Amino acid sequence: MSKQPSKYDLILNAFTTLLVQVGYQSTTINKIAETANVNPSTIFRKFKDKEGMLSAIIDRHLADLRTIFDDVSLTGDVETDLINMSRAFQKFQEKHQAVVVVGVQESFRKPNVSHAVEEIEISFKQNLLQYFAEMKKQHQIKETIDIEATTMNIIWLNFGYFMTVIRFNNPELITDPEDFYEKQIRFFAKSLRP
């Protein structure tokens, strides 16, 4: 028998769904209550306001961020490892899409959300910098590779792909995730080989 989600979770799930669908400004307490099938007063009791709900999803996001690469097993094969790290990054971004969307839409009005989105990229960057330094030591990538520039290129590839997928519906702009990993990430990784 599956456990029913708590009202707290129902409200947060409704809030994140609406953030992605209509944005922060158009997400109202009444729409959240209707989507969660709760009384608006329940939302006020549990969260006080939209800012309270936003803080709760940012807290979840930051807690999950600490584990973003926990399930990635590094093999020492640069192509495989970059694809696996990219998959973990994309999976995390998709799970926390509401934070990313609000962070981009409301970056000037909600600097705390913008900061939470930046933390994803910073975490990815730190992991990649360590990885590339180790691969350089092991002579798995060219000695001439600029690790900082290479790291930023992987971040930009991944973030750009994610933003394209969530923003556009035109098939001329979107590629299948497996095509992205094989044709973009693998292609890039091959250029790093000695």
C-alpha atoms as a PDB file:
ATOM      1  CA  MET A   1       0.000   0.000   0.000  1.00  0.00           C
ATOM      2  CA  SER A   2       1.574   3.290  -1.071  1.00  0.00           C
ATOM      3  CA  LYS A   3       1.755   6.183   1.321  1.00  0.00           C
ATOM      4  CA  GLN A   4      -0.277   9.270   0.388  1.00  0.00           C
ATOM      5  CA  PRO A   5       1.767  12.440  -0.035  1.00  0.00           C
ATOM      6  CA  SER A   6       1.470  14.927   2.805  1.00  0.00           C
ATOM      7  CA  LYS A   7      -0.301  18.238   2.264  1.00  0.00           C
ATOM      8  CA  TYR A   8       3.118  19.871   2.508  1.00  0.00           C
ATOM      9  CA  ASP A   9       4.342  17.773  -0.428  1.00  0.00           C
ATOM     10  CA  LEU A  10       1.108  18.197  -2.399  1.00  0.00           C
ATOM     11  CA  ILE A  11       1.422  21.965  -2.093  1.00  0.00           C
ATOM     12  CA  LEU A  12       5.110  22.015  -3.068  1.00  0.00           C
ATOM     13  CA  ASN A  13       4.466  19.699  -6.016  1.00  0.00           C
ATOM     14  CA  ALA A  14       1.627  21.929  -7.219  1.00  0.00           C
ATOM     15  CA  PHE A  15       3.810  25.000  -6.754  1.00  0.00           C
ATOM     16  CA  THR A  16       6.720  23.553  -8.765  1.00  0.00           C
ATOM     17  CA  THR A  17       4.377  22.362 -11.527  1.00  0.00           C
ATOM     18  CA  LEU A  18       2.863  25.824 -11.846  1.00  0.00           C
ATOM     19  CA  LEU A  19       6.275  27.523 -11.769  1.00  0.00           C
ATOM     20  CA  VAL A  20       7.293  25.540 -14.827  1.00  0.00           C
ATOM     21  CA  GLN A  21       3.951  25.971 -16.605  1.00  0.00           C
ATOM     22  CA  VAL A  22       3.174  29.651 -15.975  1.00  0.00           C
ATOM     23  CA  GLY A  23       6.146  31.193 -14.133  1.00  0.00           C
ATOM     24  CA  TYR A  24       6.514  32.710 -10.696  1.00  0.00           C
ATOM     25  CA  GLN A  25       4.529  35.894 -11.260  1.00  0.00           C
ATOM     26  CA  SER A  26       1.459  34.049 -12.603  1.00  0.00           C
ATOM     27  CA  THR A  27       1.530  31.361  -9.926  1.00  0.00           C
ATOM     28  CA  THR A  28      -1.026  32.446  -7.338  1.00  0.00           C
ATOM     29  CA  ILE A  29      -1.989  30.972  -3.987  1.00  0.00           C
ATOM     30  CA  ASN A  30      -5.439  30.179  -5.397  1.00  0.00           C
ATOM     31  CA  LYS A  31      -3.979  28.337  -8.408  1.00  0.00           C
ATOM     32  CA  ILE A  32      -1.653  26.393  -6.105  1.00  0.00           C
ATOM     33  CA  ALA A  33      -4.555  25.480  -3.802  1.00  0.00           C
ATOM     34  CA  GLU A  34      -6.670  24.363  -6.739  1.00  0.00           C
ATOM     35  CA  THR A  35      -3.842  22.278  -8.241  1.00  0.00           C
ATOM     36  CA  ALA A  36      -2.981  20.700  -4.866  1.00  0.00           C
ATOM     37  CA  ASN A  37      -6.658  20.243  -3.999  1.00  0.00           C
ATOM     38  CA  VAL A  38      -6.255  22.032  -0.660  1.00  0.00           C
ATOM     39  CA  ASN A  39      -7.753  25.107   0.934  1.00  0.00           C
ATOM     40  CA  PRO A  40      -5.712  28.319   0.474  1.00  0.00           C
ATOM     41  CA  SER A  41      -5.622  28.702   4.258  1.00  0.00           C
ATOM     42  CA  THR A  42      -3.653  25.422   4.428  1.00  0.00           C
ATOM     43  CA  ILE A  43      -0.977  26.986   2.242  1.00  0.00           C
ATOM     44  CA  PHE A  44      -0.770  30.050   4.476  1.00  0.00           C
ATOM     45  CA  ARG A  45      -0.478  27.842   7.586  1.00  0.00           C
ATOM     46  CA  LYS A  46       2.245  25.651   6.115  1.00  0.00           C
ATOM     47  CA  PHE A  47       4.260  28.240   4.153  1.00  0.00           C
ATOM     48  CA  LYS A  48       2.941  31.735   4.937  1.00  0.00           C
ATOM     49  CA  ASP A  49       3.260  32.843   1.289  1.00  0.00           C
ATOM     50  CA  LYS A  50       4.863  32.136  -2.098  1.00  0.00           C
ATOM     51  CA  GLU A  51       8.249  33.181  -0.735  1.00  0.00           C
ATOM     52  CA  GLY A  52       7.954  30.462   1.908  1.00  0.00           C
ATOM     53  CA  MET A  53       7.249  27.854  -0.753  1.00  0.00           C
ATOM     54  CA  LEU A  54      10.094  29.165  -2.883  1.00  0.00           C
ATOM     55  CA  SER A  55      12.457  28.880   0.087  1.00  0.00           C
ATOM     56  CA  ALA A  56      11.316  25.295   0.652  1.00  0.00           C
ATOM     57  CA  ILE A  57      12.032  24.225  -2.933  1.00  0.00           C
ATOM     58  CA  ILE A  58      15.398  26.009  -2.860  1.00  0.00           C
ATOM     59  CA  ASP A  59      16.279  24.143   0.347  1.00  0.00           C
ATOM     60  CA  ARG A  60      15.377  20.831  -1.329  1.00  0.00           C
ATOM     61  CA  HIS A  61      17.376  21.805  -4.376  1.00  0.00           C
ATOM     62  CA  LEU A  62      20.498  22.689  -2.379  1.00  0.00           C
ATOM     63  CA  ALA A  63      20.258  19.499  -0.300  1.00  0.00           C
ATOM     64  CA  ASP A  64      20.031  17.400  -3.483  1.00  0.00           C
ATOM     65  CA  LEU A  65      22.912  19.327  -5.036  1.00  0.00           C
ATOM     66  CA  ARG A  66      25.313  17.789  -2.510  1.00  0.00           C
ATOM     67  CA  THR A  67      24.595  14.389  -4.063  1.00  0.00           C
ATOM     68  CA  ILE A  68      24.431  15.301  -7.771  1.00  0.00           C
ATOM     69  CA  PHE A  69      27.389  13.101  -8.764  1.00  0.00           C
ATOM     70  CA  ASP A  70      27.132  10.429  -6.061  1.00  0.00           C
ATOM     71  CA  ASP A  71      25.845   7.809  -8.502  1.00  0.00           C
ATOM     72  CA  VAL A  72      28.443   8.565 -11.193  1.00  0.00           C
ATOM     73  CA  SER A  73      31.157   5.924 -11.357  1.00  0.00           C
ATOM     74  CA  LEU A  74      34.228   7.308 -13.078  1.00  0.00           C
ATOM     75  CA  THR A  75      36.006   4.843 -15.363  1.00  0.00           C
ATOM     76  CA  GLY A  76      39.025   6.823 -16.517  1.00  0.00           C
ATOM     77  CA  ASP A  77      37.651   6.796 -20.059  1.00  0.00           C
ATOM     78  CA  VAL A  78      37.109  10.490 -20.782  1.00  0.00           C
ATOM     79  CA  GLU A  79      34.291   9.968 -23.288  1.00  0.00           C
ATOM     80  CA  THR A  80      32.323   7.655 -20.999  1.00  0.00           C
ATOM     81  CA  ASP A  81      32.944   9.763 -17.908  1.00  0.00           C
ATOM     82  CA  LEU A  82      31.885  13.048 -19.526  1.00  0.00           C
ATOM     83  CA  ILE A  83      28.728  11.427 -20.873  1.00  0.00           C
ATOM     84  CA  ASN A  84      27.908  10.004 -17.420  1.00  0.00           C
ATOM     85  CA  MET A  85      28.573  13.338 -15.691  1.00  0.00           C
ATOM     86  CA  SER A  86      26.459  15.109 -18.324  1.00  0.00           C
ATOM     87  CA  ARG A  87      23.623  12.643 -17.770  1.00  0.00           C
ATOM     88  CA  ALA A  88      23.746  13.278 -14.000  1.00  0.00           C
ATOM     89  CA  PHE A  89      23.750  17.032 -14.620  1.00  0.00           C
ATOM     90  CA  GLN A  90      20.764  16.827 -17.019  1.00  0.00           C
ATOM     91  CA  LYS A  91      18.840  14.557 -14.644  1.00  0.00           C
ATOM     92  CA  PHE A  92      19.423  16.987 -11.765  1.00  0.00           C
ATOM     93  CA  GLN A  93      18.407  19.986 -13.878  1.00  0.00           C
ATOM     94  CA  GLU A  94      15.220  18.235 -14.981  1.00  0.00           C
ATOM     95  CA  LYS A  95      14.307  17.288 -11.408  1.00  0.00           C
ATOM     96  CA  HIS A  96      14.870  20.880 -10.261  1.00  0.00           C
ATOM     97  CA  GLN A  97      13.516  22.534 -13.373  1.00  0.00           C
ATOM     98  CA  ALA A  98      11.263  24.876 -11.367  1.00  0.00           C
ATOM     99  CA  VAL A  99      14.240  26.406  -9.552  1.00  0.00           C
ATOM    100  CA  VAL A 100      16.121  26.831 -12.828  1.00  0.00           C
ATOM    101  CA  VAL A 101      13.126  28.407 -14.570  1.00  0.00           C
ATOM    102  CA  VAL A 102      12.475  30.865 -11.735  1.00  0.00           C
ATOM    103  CA  GLY A 103      16.202  31.553 -11.444  1.00  0.00           C
ATOM    104  CA  VAL A 104      16.356  32.559 -15.088  1.00  0.00           C
ATOM    105  CA  GLN A 105      13.007  34.406 -15.208  1.00  0.00           C
ATOM    106  CA  GLU A 106      13.376  36.219 -11.908  1.00  0.00           C
ATOM    107  CA  SER A 107      17.160  36.606 -11.634  1.00  0.00           C
ATOM    108  CA  PHE A 108      16.997  40.316 -10.799  1.00  0.00           C
ATOM    109  CA  ARG A 109      14.039  40.148  -8.420  1.00  0.00           C
ATOM    110  CA  LYS A 110      14.976  36.845  -6.725  1.00  0.00           C
ATOM    111  CA  PRO A 111      18.767  36.770  -6.279  1.00  0.00           C
ATOM    112  CA  ASN A 112      18.486  33.855  -3.828  1.00  0.00           C
ATOM    113  CA  VAL A 113      17.011  31.690  -6.592  1.00  0.00           C
ATOM    114  CA  SER A 114      19.586  32.892  -9.098  1.00  0.00           C
ATOM    115  CA  HIS A 115      22.278  31.945  -6.578  1.00  0.00           C
ATOM    116  CA  ALA A 116      20.757  28.449  -6.187  1.00  0.00           C
ATOM    117  CA  VAL A 117      20.930  27.962  -9.972  1.00  0.00           C
ATOM    118  CA  GLU A 118      24.548  29.168 -10.006  1.00  0.00           C
ATOM    119  CA  GLU A 119      25.391  26.567  -7.370  1.00  0.00           C
ATOM    120  CA  ILE A 120      24.525  23.797  -9.856  1.00  0.00           C
ATOM    121  CA  GLU A 121      27.065  25.124 -12.342  1.00  0.00           C
ATOM    122  CA  ILE A 122      29.662  25.727  -9.626  1.00  0.00           C
ATOM    123  CA  SER A 123      29.298  22.168  -8.329  1.00  0.00           C
ATOM    124  CA  PHE A 124      29.607  20.798 -11.863  1.00  0.00           C
ATOM    125  CA  LYS A 125      32.639  23.016 -12.467  1.00  0.00           C
ATOM    126  CA  GLN A 126      34.431  21.851  -9.321  1.00  0.00           C
ATOM    127  CA  ASN A 127      33.869  18.207 -10.226  1.00  0.00           C
ATOM    128  CA  LEU A 128      35.041  18.723 -13.795  1.00  0.00           C
ATOM    129  CA  LEU A 129      38.150  20.691 -12.777  1.00  0.00           C
ATOM    130  CA  GLN A 130      39.219  17.895 -10.418  1.00  0.00           C
ATOM    131  CA  TYR A 131      38.448  15.265 -13.030  1.00  0.00           C
ATOM    132  CA  PHE A 132      40.385  16.982 -15.825  1.00  0.00           C
ATOM    133  CA  ALA A 133      43.373  17.632 -13.552  1.00  0.00           C
ATOM    134  CA  GLU A 134      43.467  13.916 -12.723  1.00  0.00           C
ATOM    135  CA  MET A 135      43.069  12.914 -16.373  1.00  0.00           C
ATOM    136  CA  LYS A 136      45.918  15.237 -17.322  1.00  0.00           C
ATOM    137  CA  LYS A 137      48.122  13.627 -14.662  1.00  0.00           C
ATOM    138  CA  GLN A 138      47.259  10.208 -16.049  1.00  0.00           C
ATOM    139  CA  HIS A 139      47.960  11.409 -19.632  1.00  0.00           C
ATOM    140  CA  GLN A 140      44.366  10.629 -20.678  1.00  0.00           C
ATOM    141  CA  ILE A 141      43.960  14.113 -22.177  1.00  0.00           C
ATOM    142  CA  LYS A 142      46.404  16.298 -24.114  1.00  0.00           C
ATOM    143  CA  GLU A 143      49.026  18.160 -22.104  1.00  0.00           C
ATOM    144  CA  THR A 144      48.097  21.355 -23.943  1.00  0.00           C
ATOM    145  CA  ILE A 145      44.446  21.273 -22.825  1.00  0.00           C
ATOM    146  CA  ASP A 146      43.379  24.373 -20.910  1.00  0.00           C
ATOM    147  CA  ILE A 147      41.438  22.728 -18.077  1.00  0.00           C
ATOM    148  CA  GLU A 148      39.475  25.860 -17.137  1.00  0.00           C
ATOM    149  CA  ALA A 149      38.344  26.501 -20.736  1.00  0.00           C
ATOM    150  CA  THR A 150      37.513  22.831 -21.279  1.00  0.00           C
ATOM    151  CA  THR A 151      35.452  22.756 -18.094  1.00  0.00           C
ATOM    152  CA  MET A 152      33.490  25.840 -19.073  1.00  0.00           C
ATOM    153  CA  ASN A 153      32.818  24.421 -22.555  1.00  0.00           C
ATOM    154  CA  ILE A 154      31.275  21.266 -21.057  1.00  0.00           C
ATOM    155  CA  ILE A 155      29.171  23.388 -18.676  1.00  0.00           C
ATOM    156  CA  TRP A 156      27.974  25.626 -21.508  1.00  0.00           C
ATOM    157  CA  LEU A 157      27.155  22.638 -23.714  1.00  0.00           C
ATOM    158  CA  ASN A 158      25.090  21.057 -20.949  1.00  0.00           C
ATOM    159  CA  PHE A 159      23.349  24.196 -19.718  1.00  0.00           C
ATOM    160  CA  GLY A 160      22.604  25.340 -23.254  1.00  0.00           C
ATOM    161  CA  TYR A 161      21.135  21.965 -24.125  1.00  0.00           C
ATOM    162  CA  PHE A 162      18.965  21.954 -21.002  1.00  0.00           C
ATOM    163  CA  MET A 163      17.665  25.483 -21.610  1.00  0.00           C
ATOM    164  CA  THR A 164      16.898  24.653 -25.248  1.00  0.00           C
ATOM    165  CA  VAL A 165      14.928  21.551 -24.258  1.00  0.00           C
ATOM    166  CA  ILE A 166      12.821  23.347 -21.647  1.00  0.00           C
ATOM    167  CA  ARG A 167      12.309  26.483 -23.701  1.00  0.00           C
ATOM    168  CA  PHE A 168      11.691  25.404 -27.294  1.00  0.00           C
ATOM    169  CA  ASN A 169       9.316  22.943 -28.972  1.00  0.00           C
ATOM    170  CA  ASN A 170      10.690  23.280 -32.490  1.00  0.00           C
ATOM    171  CA  PRO A 171      12.180  19.930 -33.615  1.00  0.00           C
ATOM    172  CA  GLU A 172      14.802  21.829 -35.616  1.00  0.00           C
ATOM    173  CA  LEU A 173      16.255  23.104 -32.326  1.00  0.00           C
ATOM    174  CA  ILE A 174      15.883  20.033 -30.142  1.00  0.00           C
ATOM    175  CA  THR A 175      17.771  16.791 -30.336  1.00  0.00           C
ATOM    176  CA  ASP A 176      17.167  13.537 -28.528  1.00  0.00           C
ATOM    177  CA  PRO A 177      19.187  13.285 -25.263  1.00  0.00           C
ATOM    178  CA  GLU A 178      21.119  10.273 -26.574  1.00  0.00           C
ATOM    179  CA  ASP A 179      22.032  12.235 -29.702  1.00  0.00           C
ATOM    180  CA  PHE A 180      23.213  15.075 -27.476  1.00  0.00           C
ATOM    181  CA  TYR A 181      25.457  12.739 -25.456  1.00  0.00           C
ATOM    182  CA  GLU A 182      26.786  10.901 -28.493  1.00  0.00           C
ATOM    183  CA  LYS A 183      27.088  13.733 -31.004  1.00  0.00           C
ATOM    184  CA  GLN A 184      27.997  16.627 -28.730  1.00  0.00           C
ATOM    185  CA  ILE A 185      29.593  15.326 -25.540  1.00  0.00           C
ATOM    186  CA  ARG A 186      31.395  12.331 -27.068  1.00  0.00           C
ATOM    187  CA  PHE A 187      32.557  14.452 -30.012  1.00  0.00           C
ATOM    188  CA  PHE A 188      33.935  17.064 -27.623  1.00  0.00           C
ATOM    189  CA  ALA A 189      35.569  14.413 -25.405  1.00  0.00           C
ATOM    190  CA  LYS A 190      37.335  12.835 -28.397  1.00  0.00           C
ATOM    191  CA  SER A 191      39.028  16.166 -29.104  1.00  0.00           C
ATOM    192  CA  LEU A 192      40.719  15.973 -25.691  1.00  0.00           C
ATOM    193  CA  ARG A 193      42.554  12.706 -26.338  1.00  0.00           C
ATOM    194  CA  PRO A 194      46.341  12.767 -26.612  1.00  0.00           C
END
